[in-house]
């Protein structure tokens, strides 16, 4: 095999490799090709996902606000109960003092 034959054989092998690569690329793209309806469906699904995430974020924000309001109301109710219990305790002590005073006055 002389130099010219070697160059021609190498060129043929490279051309065949190029042709096989090009054919394989064409074949893969032919089977993987995404139709416009699929792209439209993917766009619609992406939009729906985006809307669902926004709705979820709004729900989380609402729940956090509601939880803060309820916690505040609970704290206020607990403070009112403590104040009421303190007032009741004082009223009972005062009533007991009045009973003791009345008992002392009746004994005298």
N, C-alpha and C. Protein backbone atom coordinates (compact mmCIF):
# COMPACT_ATOMS: atom_id res chain seq x y z
N UNK A 1 0.86 -1.16 0.00
CA UNK A 1 0.00 0.00 0.00
C UNK A 1 0.91 1.23 0.00
N UNK A 2 0.76 2.00 -1.04
CA UNK A 2 1.59 3.20 -1.12
C UNK A 2 0.87 4.37 -0.46
N UNK A 3 1.51 5.50 -0.53
CA UNK A 3 1.02 6.69 0.18
C UNK A 3 -0.35 7.14 -0.34
N UNK A 4 -0.58 7.12 -1.63
CA UNK A 4 -1.83 7.56 -2.23
C UNK A 4 -2.97 6.63 -1.82
N UNK A 5 -2.72 5.34 -1.86
CA UNK A 5 -3.76 4.38 -1.46
C UNK A 5 -4.10 4.55 0.03
N UNK A 6 -3.09 4.78 0.85
CA UNK A 6 -3.32 4.98 2.28
C UNK A 6 -4.18 6.23 2.54
N UNK A 7 -3.89 7.30 1.83
CA UNK A 7 -4.66 8.54 1.97
C UNK A 7 -6.10 8.32 1.52
N UNK A 8 -6.29 7.62 0.40
CA UNK A 8 -7.63 7.37 -0.11
C UNK A 8 -8.40 6.46 0.86
N UNK A 9 -7.76 5.43 1.41
CA UNK A 9 -8.42 4.52 2.35
C UNK A 9 -8.80 5.27 3.62
N UNK A 10 -7.90 6.12 4.10
CA UNK A 10 -8.19 6.92 5.30
C UNK A 10 -9.35 7.87 5.03
N UNK A 11 -9.35 8.51 3.85
CA UNK A 11 -10.42 9.43 3.50
C UNK A 11 -11.76 8.69 3.43
N UNK A 12 -11.77 7.50 2.84
CA UNK A 12 -13.01 6.72 2.74
C UNK A 12 -13.50 6.33 4.14
N UNK A 13 -12.59 5.89 5.01
CA UNK A 13 -12.97 5.50 6.38
C UNK A 13 -13.54 6.71 7.13
N UNK A 14 -12.88 7.86 7.01
CA UNK A 14 -13.38 9.07 7.68
C UNK A 14 -14.73 9.50 7.12
N UNK A 15 -14.90 9.39 5.80
CA UNK A 15 -16.19 9.75 5.20
C UNK A 15 -17.29 8.81 5.68
N UNK A 16 -17.00 7.51 5.73
CA UNK A 16 -17.98 6.54 6.21
C UNK A 16 -18.33 6.83 7.68
N UNK A 17 -17.31 7.14 8.50
CA UNK A 17 -17.57 7.46 9.91
C UNK A 17 -18.43 8.73 10.02
N UNK A 18 -18.11 9.74 9.19
CA UNK A 18 -18.92 10.97 9.18
C UNK A 18 -20.36 10.66 8.77
N UNK A 19 -20.53 9.87 7.73
CA UNK A 19 -21.87 9.54 7.24
C UNK A 19 -22.65 8.76 8.29
N UNK A 20 -22.01 7.81 8.95
CA UNK A 20 -22.69 7.05 10.02
C UNK A 20 -23.07 7.96 11.18
N UNK A 21 -22.18 8.88 11.54
CA UNK A 21 -22.48 9.82 12.62
C UNK A 21 -23.63 10.74 12.26
N UNK A 22 -23.61 11.24 11.04
CA UNK A 22 -24.69 12.12 10.60
C UNK A 22 -26.02 11.36 10.58
N UNK A 23 -25.99 10.12 10.06
CA UNK A 23 -27.22 9.31 10.01
C UNK A 23 -27.73 9.01 11.42
N UNK A 24 -26.84 8.68 12.34
CA UNK A 24 -27.24 8.40 13.72
C UNK A 24 -27.85 9.66 14.35
N UNK A 25 -27.24 10.80 14.10
CA UNK A 25 -27.77 12.07 14.63
C UNK A 25 -29.15 12.35 14.06
N UNK A 26 -29.32 12.17 12.77
CA UNK A 26 -30.62 12.39 12.13
C UNK A 26 -31.66 11.43 12.71
N UNK A 27 -31.27 10.17 12.88
CA UNK A 27 -32.18 9.15 13.40
C UNK A 27 -32.61 9.48 14.83
N UNK A 28 -31.67 9.88 15.67
CA UNK A 28 -31.99 10.22 17.06
C UNK A 28 -32.92 11.42 17.10
N UNK A 29 -32.62 12.45 16.33
CA UNK A 29 -33.48 13.63 16.32
C UNK A 29 -34.85 13.34 15.72
N UNK A 30 -34.92 12.41 14.84
CA UNK A 30 -36.20 12.04 14.24
C UNK A 30 -37.11 11.41 15.29
N UNK A 31 -36.55 10.55 16.13
CA UNK A 31 -37.35 9.88 17.15
C UNK A 31 -37.60 10.76 18.38
N UNK A 32 -36.70 11.65 18.67
CA UNK A 32 -36.83 12.48 19.86
C UNK A 32 -37.56 13.79 19.56
N UNK A 33 -37.82 14.09 18.35
CA UNK A 33 -38.44 15.35 17.97
C UNK A 33 -39.71 15.59 18.78
N UNK A 34 -39.81 16.79 19.34
CA UNK A 34 -40.97 17.16 20.14
C UNK A 34 -41.94 17.92 19.24
N UNK A 35 -43.18 17.48 19.25
CA UNK A 35 -44.16 18.14 18.40
C UNK A 35 -44.62 19.43 19.05
N UNK A 36 -45.21 20.29 18.25
CA UNK A 36 -45.66 21.58 18.78
C UNK A 36 -46.78 21.41 19.79
N UNK A 37 -47.60 20.38 19.63
CA UNK A 37 -48.66 20.14 20.61
C UNK A 37 -48.05 19.74 21.96
N UNK A 38 -46.96 18.96 21.93
CA UNK A 38 -46.28 18.60 23.18
C UNK A 38 -45.67 19.83 23.84
N UNK A 39 -45.09 20.71 23.04
CA UNK A 39 -44.52 21.94 23.59
C UNK A 39 -45.62 22.80 24.19
N UNK A 40 -46.75 22.89 23.50
CA UNK A 40 -47.89 23.64 24.03
C UNK A 40 -48.39 23.05 25.33
N UNK A 41 -48.44 21.73 25.40
CA UNK A 41 -48.89 21.08 26.63
C UNK A 41 -47.90 21.32 27.76
N UNK A 42 -46.61 21.27 27.45
CA UNK A 42 -45.60 21.56 28.47
C UNK A 42 -45.71 23.00 28.96
N UNK A 43 -45.95 23.93 28.04
CA UNK A 43 -46.14 25.33 28.44
C UNK A 43 -47.36 25.48 29.34
N UNK A 44 -48.45 24.81 29.00
CA UNK A 44 -49.66 24.87 29.80
C UNK A 44 -49.42 24.28 31.19
N UNK A 45 -48.73 23.14 31.23
CA UNK A 45 -48.43 22.52 32.52
C UNK A 45 -47.52 23.41 33.37
N UNK A 46 -46.56 24.06 32.73
CA UNK A 46 -45.67 24.97 33.46
C UNK A 46 -46.46 26.14 34.02
N UNK A 47 -47.40 26.67 33.24
CA UNK A 47 -48.23 27.78 33.71
C UNK A 47 -49.11 27.34 34.88
N UNK A 48 -49.71 26.16 34.77
CA UNK A 48 -50.54 25.64 35.86
C UNK A 48 -49.72 25.41 37.12
N UNK A 49 -48.50 24.91 36.95
CA UNK A 49 -47.62 24.70 38.10
C UNK A 49 -47.28 26.04 38.76
N UNK A 50 -47.01 27.05 37.94
CA UNK A 50 -46.71 28.37 38.46
C UNK A 50 -47.90 28.93 39.24
N UNK A 51 -49.09 28.79 38.69
CA UNK A 51 -50.30 29.26 39.37
C UNK A 51 -50.54 28.49 40.68
N UNK A 52 -50.28 27.19 40.66
CA UNK A 52 -50.45 26.39 41.88
C UNK A 52 -49.45 26.83 42.95
N UNK A 53 -48.22 27.13 42.56
CA UNK A 53 -47.23 27.60 43.52
C UNK A 53 -47.64 28.95 44.10
N UNK A 54 -48.18 29.84 43.26
CA UNK A 54 -48.64 31.13 43.76
C UNK A 54 -49.80 30.95 44.74
N UNK A 55 -50.72 30.05 44.42
CA UNK A 55 -51.84 29.77 45.31
C UNK A 55 -51.34 29.21 46.63
N UNK A 56 -50.38 28.30 46.56
CA UNK A 56 -49.81 27.72 47.78
C UNK A 56 -49.16 28.81 48.62
N UNK A 57 -48.39 29.70 47.99
CA UNK A 57 -47.74 30.78 48.73
C UNK A 57 -48.77 31.70 49.39
N UNK A 58 -49.86 31.98 48.68
CA UNK A 58 -50.91 32.82 49.25
C UNK A 58 -51.57 32.11 50.44
N UNK A 59 -51.79 30.81 50.30
CA UNK A 59 -52.40 30.05 51.40
C UNK A 59 -51.49 30.03 52.62
N UNK A 60 -50.20 29.87 52.39
CA UNK A 60 -49.25 29.86 53.51
C UNK A 60 -49.24 31.22 54.20
N UNK A 61 -49.25 32.28 53.41
CA UNK A 61 -49.27 33.63 53.98
C UNK A 61 -50.55 33.85 54.78
N UNK A 62 -51.68 33.43 54.24
CA UNK A 62 -52.96 33.57 54.95
C UNK A 62 -52.93 32.80 56.26
N UNK A 63 -52.43 31.57 56.22
CA UNK A 63 -52.39 30.75 57.42
C UNK A 63 -51.46 31.36 58.48
N UNK A 64 -50.35 31.93 58.05
CA UNK A 64 -49.45 32.57 59.00
C UNK A 64 -50.11 33.79 59.64
N UNK A 65 -50.82 34.57 58.84
CA UNK A 65 -51.52 35.73 59.39
C UNK A 65 -52.62 35.29 60.35
N UNK A 66 -53.36 34.27 59.96
CA UNK A 66 -54.45 33.77 60.81
C UNK A 66 -53.89 33.22 62.12
N UNK A 67 -52.77 32.50 62.03
CA UNK A 67 -52.15 31.96 63.23
C UNK A 67 -51.70 33.09 64.17
N UNK A 68 -51.14 34.15 63.59
CA UNK A 68 -50.71 35.29 64.41
C UNK A 68 -51.92 35.95 65.08
N UNK A 69 -53.02 36.10 64.34
CA UNK A 69 -54.24 36.68 64.92
C UNK A 69 -54.77 35.82 66.06
N UNK A 70 -54.83 34.50 65.84
CA UNK A 70 -55.35 33.61 66.86
C UNK A 70 -54.44 33.56 68.09
N UNK A 71 -53.14 33.61 67.87
CA UNK A 71 -52.20 33.65 68.99
C UNK A 71 -52.40 34.92 69.79
N UNK A 72 -52.60 36.04 69.11
CA UNK A 72 -52.84 37.31 69.77
C UNK A 72 -54.14 37.25 70.57
N UNK A 73 -55.20 36.71 69.97
CA UNK A 73 -56.48 36.58 70.67
C UNK A 73 -56.34 35.68 71.89
N UNK A 74 -55.59 34.59 71.76
CA UNK A 74 -55.38 33.69 72.88
C UNK A 74 -54.63 34.38 74.01
N UNK A 75 -53.62 35.15 73.67
CA UNK A 75 -52.87 35.89 74.68
C UNK A 75 -53.77 36.89 75.39
N UNK A 76 -54.61 37.58 74.63
CA UNK A 76 -55.53 38.54 75.23
C UNK A 76 -56.53 37.82 76.15
N UNK A 77 -57.04 36.69 75.69
CA UNK A 77 -58.01 35.93 76.50
C UNK A 77 -57.35 35.43 77.79
N UNK A 78 -56.12 34.96 77.69
CA UNK A 78 -55.42 34.50 78.88
C UNK A 78 -55.19 35.66 79.85
N UNK A 79 -54.86 36.83 79.34
CA UNK A 79 -54.67 38.00 80.20
C UNK A 79 -55.99 38.37 80.87
N UNK A 80 -57.08 38.32 80.12
CA UNK A 80 -58.39 38.63 80.70
C UNK A 80 -58.77 37.62 81.77
N UNK A 81 -58.49 36.34 81.54
CA UNK A 81 -58.79 35.30 82.52
C UNK A 81 -57.97 35.54 83.79
N UNK A 82 -56.69 35.85 83.63
CA UNK A 82 -55.85 36.13 84.81
C UNK A 82 -56.39 37.32 85.59
N UNK A 83 -56.77 38.38 84.86
CA UNK A 83 -57.32 39.57 85.52
C UNK A 83 -58.62 39.23 86.25
N UNK A 84 -59.46 38.44 85.60
CA UNK A 84 -60.73 38.03 86.21
C UNK A 84 -60.48 37.18 87.45
N UNK A 85 -59.55 36.25 87.36
CA UNK A 85 -59.23 35.39 88.50
C UNK A 85 -58.66 36.22 89.66
N UNK A 86 -57.82 37.20 89.34
CA UNK A 86 -57.29 38.07 90.39
C UNK A 86 -58.42 38.86 91.05
N UNK A 87 -59.33 39.38 90.23
CA UNK A 87 -60.47 40.11 90.76
C UNK A 87 -61.36 39.22 91.62
N UNK A 88 -61.59 38.00 91.18
CA UNK A 88 -62.40 37.05 91.95
C UNK A 88 -61.72 36.71 93.28
N UNK A 89 -60.42 36.50 93.24
CA UNK A 89 -59.67 36.21 94.45
C UNK A 89 -59.79 37.37 95.45
N UNK A 90 -59.63 38.59 94.93
CA UNK A 90 -59.76 39.76 95.80
C UNK A 90 -61.18 39.88 96.35
N UNK A 91 -62.18 39.58 95.50
CA UNK A 91 -63.58 39.65 95.97
C UNK A 91 -63.84 38.60 97.05
N UNK A 92 -63.28 37.41 96.89
CA UNK A 92 -63.45 36.36 97.91
C UNK A 92 -62.78 36.77 99.22
N UNK A 93 -61.58 37.34 99.11
CA UNK A 93 -60.89 37.79 100.32
C UNK A 93 -61.69 38.89 101.02
N UNK A 94 -62.21 39.79 100.21
CA UNK A 94 -63.01 40.88 100.78
C UNK A 94 -64.29 40.33 101.42
N UNK A 95 -64.92 39.36 100.75
CA UNK A 95 -66.12 38.76 101.31
C UNK A 95 -65.78 38.03 102.61
N UNK A 96 -64.65 37.33 102.66
CA UNK A 96 -64.23 36.63 103.87
C UNK A 96 -63.95 37.63 104.99
N UNK A 97 -63.33 38.74 104.65
CA UNK A 97 -63.08 39.78 105.64
C UNK A 97 -64.39 40.36 106.16
N UNK A 98 -65.35 40.55 105.25
CA UNK A 98 -66.66 41.08 105.67
C UNK A 98 -67.37 40.08 106.59
N UNK A 99 -67.31 38.79 106.26
CA UNK A 99 -67.92 37.77 107.11
C UNK A 99 -67.27 37.77 108.50
N UNK A 100 -65.94 37.84 108.48
CA UNK A 100 -65.23 37.87 109.77
C UNK A 100 -65.62 39.12 110.56
N UNK A 101 -65.73 40.22 109.88
CA UNK A 101 -66.12 41.48 110.55
C UNK A 101 -67.54 41.36 111.11
N UNK A 102 -68.43 40.79 110.29
CA UNK A 102 -69.82 40.63 110.74
C UNK A 102 -69.87 39.68 111.93
N UNK A 103 -69.11 38.58 111.89
CA UNK A 103 -69.07 37.64 113.01
C UNK A 103 -68.55 38.32 114.27
N UNK A 104 -67.54 39.15 114.15
CA UNK A 104 -67.00 39.87 115.31
C UNK A 104 -68.02 40.86 115.86
N UNK A 105 -68.73 41.51 114.94
CA UNK A 105 -69.72 42.50 115.38
C UNK A 105 -70.90 41.82 116.08
N UNK A 106 -71.26 40.63 115.59
CA UNK A 106 -72.38 39.92 116.22
C UNK A 106 -71.99 39.39 117.58
N UNK A 107 -70.75 39.06 117.78
CA UNK A 107 -70.28 38.52 119.06
C UNK A 107 -70.14 39.62 120.09
N UNK A 108 -69.98 40.83 119.69
CA UNK A 108 -69.86 41.93 120.61
C UNK A 108 -71.14 42.55 121.01
